[in-house]
């Protein structure tokens, strides 16, 4: 593998990891706001929203890495 392909893969995975971190941070922030707004005693939205984000990311990675027909 040449240097250009290595850099392309590096930027691709760096982009994916940045998207995951930003999505999880945003989901946590929104979850905290929803829990305060609905006055939940248990942090339900703080748990559910990041789990949904992780599920969506896993589905996206599976779709992106499966061989094209």
C-alpha atoms as a PDB file:
ATOM      1  CA  UNK A   1       0.000   0.000   0.000  1.00  0.00           C
ATOM      2  CA  UNK A   2       1.436   3.342  -0.926  1.00  0.00           C
ATOM      3  CA  UNK A   3       1.649   6.478   1.171  1.00  0.00           C
ATOM      4  CA  UNK A   4      -1.327   8.179  -0.514  1.00  0.00           C
ATOM      5  CA  UNK A   5      -3.689   5.277   0.315  1.00  0.00           C
ATOM      6  CA  UNK A   6      -2.465   5.280   3.920  1.00  0.00           C
ATOM      7  CA  UNK A   7      -3.250   8.989   4.250  1.00  0.00           C
ATOM      8  CA  UNK A   8      -6.672   8.495   2.681  1.00  0.00           C
ATOM      9  CA  UNK A   9      -7.520   5.730   5.141  1.00  0.00           C
ATOM     10  CA  UNK A  10      -6.186   7.820   8.016  1.00  0.00           C
ATOM     11  CA  UNK A  11      -8.418  10.770   7.118  1.00  0.00           C
ATOM     12  CA  UNK A  12     -11.402   8.487   6.582  1.00  0.00           C
ATOM     13  CA  UNK A  13     -11.102   6.910  10.033  1.00  0.00           C
ATOM     14  CA  UNK A  14     -10.285  10.252  11.649  1.00  0.00           C
ATOM     15  CA  UNK A  15     -13.457  11.681  10.138  1.00  0.00           C
ATOM     16  CA  UNK A  16     -15.525   8.737  11.384  1.00  0.00           C
ATOM     17  CA  UNK A  17     -14.137   8.985  14.917  1.00  0.00           C
ATOM     18  CA  UNK A  18     -14.751  12.739  15.003  1.00  0.00           C
ATOM     19  CA  UNK A  19     -18.344  12.214  13.892  1.00  0.00           C
ATOM     20  CA  UNK A  20     -18.863   9.613  16.626  1.00  0.00           C
ATOM     21  CA  UNK A  21     -17.438  11.851  19.356  1.00  0.00           C
ATOM     22  CA  UNK A  22     -19.481  14.874  18.257  1.00  0.00           C
ATOM     23  CA  UNK A  23     -22.688  12.818  17.924  1.00  0.00           C
ATOM     24  CA  UNK A  24     -22.252  11.285  21.389  1.00  0.00           C
ATOM     25  CA  UNK A  25     -21.512  14.666  22.951  1.00  0.00           C
ATOM     26  CA  UNK A  26     -24.551  16.207  21.286  1.00  0.00           C
ATOM     27  CA  UNK A  27     -26.742  13.258  22.353  1.00  0.00           C
ATOM     28  CA  UNK A  28     -25.568  13.612  25.954  1.00  0.00           C
ATOM     29  CA  UNK A  29     -26.230  17.346  25.954  1.00  0.00           C
ATOM     30  CA  UNK A  30     -29.714  16.922  24.484  1.00  0.00           C
ATOM     31  CA  UNK A  31     -30.391  14.013  26.863  1.00  0.00           C
ATOM     32  CA  UNK A  32     -29.522  16.148  29.881  1.00  0.00           C
ATOM     33  CA  UNK A  33     -31.784  18.944  28.633  1.00  0.00           C
ATOM     34  CA  UNK A  34     -34.679  16.517  28.025  1.00  0.00           C
ATOM     35  CA  UNK A  35     -34.280  14.933  31.463  1.00  0.00           C
ATOM     36  CA  UNK A  36     -34.335  18.346  33.153  1.00  0.00           C
ATOM     37  CA  UNK A  37     -37.279  19.512  31.039  1.00  0.00           C
ATOM     38  CA  UNK A  38     -39.354  16.389  31.787  1.00  0.00           C
ATOM     39  CA  UNK A  39     -38.100  16.288  35.397  1.00  0.00           C
ATOM     40  CA  UNK A  40     -37.080  12.607  35.322  1.00  0.00           C
ATOM     41  CA  UNK A  41     -35.514  11.305  38.529  1.00  0.00           C
ATOM     42  CA  UNK A  42     -33.615   8.660  36.555  1.00  0.00           C
ATOM     43  CA  UNK A  43     -31.510   9.940  33.623  1.00  0.00           C
ATOM     44  CA  UNK A  44     -33.446   8.079  30.951  1.00  0.00           C
ATOM     45  CA  UNK A  45     -32.711  10.276  27.925  1.00  0.00           C
ATOM     46  CA  UNK A  46     -29.019  10.486  28.870  1.00  0.00           C
ATOM     47  CA  UNK A  47     -28.846   6.708  28.432  1.00  0.00           C
ATOM     48  CA  UNK A  48     -31.181   6.223  25.470  1.00  0.00           C
ATOM     49  CA  UNK A  49     -29.987   8.929  23.068  1.00  0.00           C
ATOM     50  CA  UNK A  50     -26.269   7.957  23.079  1.00  0.00           C
ATOM     51  CA  UNK A  51     -27.232   4.294  22.689  1.00  0.00           C
ATOM     52  CA  UNK A  52     -29.301   5.211  19.635  1.00  0.00           C
ATOM     53  CA  UNK A  53     -26.339   7.166  18.243  1.00  0.00           C
ATOM     54  CA  UNK A  54     -24.045   4.172  18.739  1.00  0.00           C
ATOM     55  CA  UNK A  55     -26.578   1.910  17.019  1.00  0.00           C
ATOM     56  CA  UNK A  56     -26.825   4.264  14.033  1.00  0.00           C
ATOM     57  CA  UNK A  57     -23.023   4.472  13.777  1.00  0.00           C
ATOM     58  CA  UNK A  58     -22.692   0.671  13.855  1.00  0.00           C
ATOM     59  CA  UNK A  59     -25.288   0.350  11.084  1.00  0.00           C
ATOM     60  CA  UNK A  60     -23.483   3.034   9.048  1.00  0.00           C
ATOM     61  CA  UNK A  61     -20.132   1.279   9.435  1.00  0.00           C
ATOM     62  CA  UNK A  62     -21.638  -2.063   8.417  1.00  0.00           C
ATOM     63  CA  UNK A  63     -23.237  -0.526   5.321  1.00  0.00           C
ATOM     64  CA  UNK A  64     -20.023   1.302   4.371  1.00  0.00           C
ATOM     65  CA  UNK A  65     -17.773  -1.732   4.774  1.00  0.00           C
ATOM     66  CA  UNK A  66     -19.882  -4.407   3.089  1.00  0.00           C
ATOM     67  CA  UNK A  67     -18.740  -5.257  -0.432  1.00  0.00           C
ATOM     68  CA  UNK A  68     -20.749  -3.630  -3.188  1.00  0.00           C
ATOM     69  CA  UNK A  69     -22.602  -5.938  -5.582  1.00  0.00           C
END
